Protein backbone atom coordinates (compact mmCIF):
# COMPACT_ATOMS: atom_id res chain seq x y z
CA UNK A 1 92.78 83.51 81.18
CA UNK A 2 92.90 86.28 78.61
CA UNK A 3 92.61 88.96 81.29
CA UNK A 4 95.35 87.42 83.41
CA UNK A 5 97.68 87.01 80.44
CA UNK A 6 97.11 90.55 79.21
CA UNK A 7 97.91 91.96 82.66
CA UNK A 8 101.42 90.49 82.68
CA UNK A 9 103.01 93.22 80.49
CA UNK A 10 101.49 95.88 82.74
CA UNK A 11 102.72 94.05 85.84
CA UNK A 12 106.20 93.89 84.34
CA UNK A 13 106.17 97.61 83.59
CA UNK A 14 105.04 98.42 87.15
CA UNK A 15 107.72 96.07 88.55
CA UNK A 16 110.39 97.88 86.50
CA UNK A 17 109.13 101.28 87.67
CA UNK A 18 109.53 100.19 91.29
CA UNK A 19 112.93 98.69 90.52
CA UNK A 20 114.22 101.80 88.76
CA UNK A 21 112.91 104.23 91.38
CA UNK A 22 114.35 102.26 94.29
CA UNK A 23 117.75 101.89 92.63
CA UNK A 24 117.84 105.55 91.73
CA UNK A 25 117.19 106.57 95.32
CA UNK A 26 119.37 104.01 97.11
CA UNK A 27 122.46 104.12 94.89
CA UNK A 28 124.09 107.21 96.36
CA UNK A 29 127.07 107.96 98.55
CA UNK A 30 125.95 107.83 102.15
CA UNK A 31 126.68 106.48 105.61
CA UNK A 32 124.52 103.37 105.19
CA UNK A 33 126.17 102.31 101.94
CA UNK A 34 129.63 103.02 103.34
CA UNK A 35 128.86 100.88 106.41
CA UNK A 36 127.62 97.93 104.34
CA UNK A 37 130.68 98.23 102.10
CA UNK A 38 132.95 98.36 105.16
CA UNK A 39 131.41 95.20 106.60
CA UNK A 40 131.81 93.52 103.24
CA UNK A 41 135.46 94.47 103.03
CA UNK A 42 136.01 93.03 106.51
CA UNK A 43 133.82 89.98 105.77
CA UNK A 44 132.22 90.57 109.14
CA UNK A 45 128.51 89.76 109.73
CA UNK A 46 127.82 90.58 106.08
CA UNK A 47 124.75 88.35 105.81
CA UNK A 48 123.11 89.80 108.90
CA UNK A 49 123.78 93.41 107.90
CA UNK A 50 122.60 92.91 104.31
CA UNK A 51 119.48 91.07 105.45
CA UNK A 52 118.61 93.76 107.99
CA UNK A 53 119.01 96.63 105.52
CA UNK A 54 117.03 94.83 102.81
CA UNK A 55 114.19 93.84 105.16
CA UNK A 56 114.01 97.32 106.68
CA UNK A 57 113.72 98.86 103.24
CA UNK A 58 111.08 96.32 102.16
CA UNK A 59 108.95 96.99 105.25
CA UNK A 60 109.19 100.75 104.80
CA UNK A 61 108.32 100.43 101.11
CA UNK A 62 105.30 98.26 101.92
CA UNK A 63 104.15 100.68 104.60
CA UNK A 64 104.58 103.57 102.19
CA UNK A 65 102.81 102.06 99.20
CA UNK A 66 99.89 100.34 100.93
CA UNK A 67 99.55 103.02 103.60
CA UNK A 68 99.54 105.82 101.05
CA UNK A 69 97.16 103.88 98.81
CA UNK A 70 94.69 103.48 101.66
CA UNK A 71 95.04 107.09 102.79
CA UNK A 72 94.63 108.49 99.28
CA UNK A 73 92.10 105.99 97.97
CA UNK A 74 89.11 108.24 98.64
CA UNK A 75 90.97 111.51 98.07
CA UNK A 76 91.73 111.64 94.32
CA UNK A 77 92.52 115.37 94.34
CA UNK A 78 95.03 114.93 97.15
CA UNK A 79 96.52 111.96 95.31
CA UNK A 80 96.94 114.06 92.15
CA UNK A 81 98.49 116.92 94.11
CA UNK A 82 100.91 114.55 95.82
CA UNK A 83 101.82 112.99 92.47
CA UNK A 84 102.57 116.47 91.16
CA UNK A 85 104.78 117.25 94.14
CA UNK A 86 106.49 113.88 93.69
CA UNK A 87 107.15 114.65 90.02
CA UNK A 88 108.79 117.93 91.01
CA UNK A 89 110.86 116.18 93.67
CA UNK A 90 112.03 113.55 91.18
CA UNK A 91 112.92 116.23 88.66
CA UNK A 92 114.95 118.09 91.29
CA UNK A 93 116.55 114.83 92.46
CA UNK A 94 117.48 114.09 88.85
CA UNK A 95 118.99 117.57 88.50
CA UNK A 96 121.06 117.04 91.63
CA UNK A 97 122.29 113.71 90.28
CA UNK A 98 123.14 115.43 86.99
CA UNK A 99 125.11 118.07 88.91
CA UNK A 100 126.96 115.31 90.80
CA UNK A 101 127.82 113.65 87.49
CA UNK A 102 129.83 116.75 86.59
CA UNK A 103 131.97 116.52 89.72
CA UNK A 104 134.53 113.98 90.87
CA UNK A 105 133.61 112.10 94.03
CA UNK A 106 134.03 108.61 95.43
CA UNK A 107 132.83 106.25 98.13
CA UNK A 108 135.51 105.17 100.59
CA UNK A 109 135.11 102.66 103.39
CA UNK A 110 138.26 101.73 105.27
CA UNK A 111 138.18 98.27 106.86
CA UNK A 112 139.22 99.53 110.29
CA UNK A 113 140.78 97.51 113.07
CA UNK A 114 138.00 97.28 115.65
CA UNK A 115 135.86 94.15 115.47
CA UNK A 116 132.10 94.31 115.92
CA UNK A 117 129.81 91.72 117.46
CA UNK A 118 126.74 90.79 115.45
CA UNK A 119 124.57 92.82 117.82
CA UNK A 120 126.76 95.88 117.49
CA UNK A 121 126.85 95.57 113.69
CA UNK A 122 123.04 95.31 113.51
CA UNK A 123 122.67 98.23 115.91
CA UNK A 124 124.83 100.39 113.67
CA UNK A 125 122.94 99.22 110.59
CA UNK A 126 119.66 100.13 112.34
CA UNK A 127 120.98 103.57 113.23
CA UNK A 128 122.21 104.30 109.70
CA UNK A 129 118.89 103.06 108.28
CA UNK A 130 116.19 104.24 110.68
CA UNK A 131 117.69 107.44 112.08
CA UNK A 132 118.15 108.97 108.64
CA UNK A 133 115.14 111.19 107.81
CA UNK A 134 115.84 110.81 104.09
CA UNK A 135 115.00 107.12 104.39
CA UNK A 136 111.40 107.95 105.30
CA UNK A 137 111.19 110.68 102.66
CA UNK A 138 112.41 108.24 100.00
CA UNK A 139 110.70 104.97 100.94
CA UNK A 140 107.50 106.04 102.68
CA UNK A 141 106.61 109.32 101.00
CA UNK A 142 108.18 109.26 97.52
CA UNK A 143 108.10 105.53 96.74
CA UNK A 144 104.80 105.24 98.59
CA UNK A 145 103.11 108.04 96.67
CA UNK A 146 104.24 106.73 93.28
CA UNK A 147 103.30 103.17 94.19
CA UNK A 148 99.89 104.32 95.42
CA UNK A 149 99.17 105.74 91.95
CA UNK A 150 99.33 102.24 90.45
CA UNK A 151 96.17 100.15 90.01
CA UNK A 152 95.32 98.31 93.22
CA UNK A 153 95.98 94.86 91.71
CA UNK A 154 99.44 95.94 90.49
CA UNK A 155 100.73 97.69 93.60
CA UNK A 156 102.23 94.44 94.88
CA UNK A 157 104.37 94.32 91.71
CA UNK A 158 105.64 97.83 92.38
CA UNK A 159 106.52 96.87 95.97
CA UNK A 160 108.25 93.72 94.69
CA UNK A 161 110.32 95.68 92.18
CA UNK A 162 111.41 98.29 94.71
CA UNK A 163 112.22 95.63 97.33
CA UNK A 164 114.19 93.49 94.87
CA UNK A 165 116.25 96.52 93.87
CA UNK A 166 117.08 97.27 97.50
CA UNK A 167 117.98 93.65 98.29
CA UNK A 168 120.10 93.32 95.13
CA UNK A 169 121.99 96.54 95.84
CA UNK A 170 122.83 95.71 99.44
CA UNK A 171 123.79 92.16 98.47
CA UNK A 172 126.12 93.41 95.75
CA UNK A 173 127.58 96.01 98.09
CA UNK A 174 128.16 93.59 100.96
CA UNK A 175 129.06 90.30 99.28
CA UNK A 176 130.82 91.88 96.30
CA UNK A 177 132.68 94.49 98.34
CA UNK A 178 136.19 93.29 97.57
CA UNK A 179 135.47 93.27 93.84
CA UNK A 180 133.38 96.47 93.81
CA UNK A 181 135.52 98.60 96.14
CA UNK A 182 138.09 99.60 93.47
CA UNK A 183 135.23 100.53 91.13
CA UNK A 184 133.48 102.61 93.80
CA UNK A 185 136.78 104.39 94.52
CA UNK A 186 136.97 105.57 90.90
CA UNK A 187 135.36 109.02 90.52
CA UNK A 188 134.56 108.51 86.81
CA UNK A 189 132.43 105.47 87.59
CA UNK A 190 130.26 107.49 89.99
CA UNK A 191 129.90 110.27 87.43
CA UNK A 192 128.54 107.81 84.86
CA UNK A 193 126.26 106.25 87.47
CA UNK A 194 124.92 109.65 88.54
CA UNK A 195 124.21 110.54 84.92
CA UNK A 196 122.16 107.34 84.53
CA UNK A 197 120.33 108.08 87.79
CA UNK A 198 119.49 111.58 86.53
CA UNK A 199 117.96 110.20 83.32
CA UNK A 200 116.00 107.59 85.29
CA UNK A 201 114.63 110.13 87.75
CA UNK A 202 113.54 112.46 84.94
CA UNK A 203 111.76 109.61 83.18
CA UNK A 204 109.96 108.67 86.39
CA UNK A 205 109.08 112.33 86.96
CA UNK A 206 107.34 112.37 83.57
CA UNK A 207 105.42 109.20 84.45
CA UNK A 208 104.39 110.64 87.80
CA UNK A 209 103.30 113.88 86.16
CA UNK A 210 101.07 111.85 83.86
CA UNK A 211 99.44 110.34 86.95
CA UNK A 212 98.93 113.83 88.36
CA UNK A 213 97.27 115.08 85.17
CA UNK A 214 95.24 111.93 84.48
């Protein structure tokens, strides 16, 4: 009982790492987010689109974390090298977010007039999600490599945190579109958000560098 209880704070910290990393990567102006926002504004197949995007992310995150953990389990030097590369990537990603925070930009998604069937909406969601190479770089390689550095019994908490962040973001974007759209159209709001993302990515880069040097 003592061992289980003492592991809870560590599990919570790992969960928050997954949550922060996933949010930092997914909260950015892009075609997928614009499409989910557009469907939310139109109130058209929102549940199906949100569910598809969240499940796709969760599956990719699981494949990344557990696949990378298995592949790197007997290759500690490769794992350290990959953690070092990941730390550099996160630092660069944070710098790019910091640069964005100094510029005015906004996310626009016009409702449009053409209606989509559920199949067509899911097909577009699949294209925006699975045909974007950055999705695999973010979820499989970057999230996977950081998650694989966690202790084996805590990796599920990292996956849970990253998946919850993805599901929460898409849900807010789709179901809260009419309330969030004016906020997303305000350049200052994105500048503040990008500044927070930059700080988060730099913090995670430090944590990943510690894994590389451990």
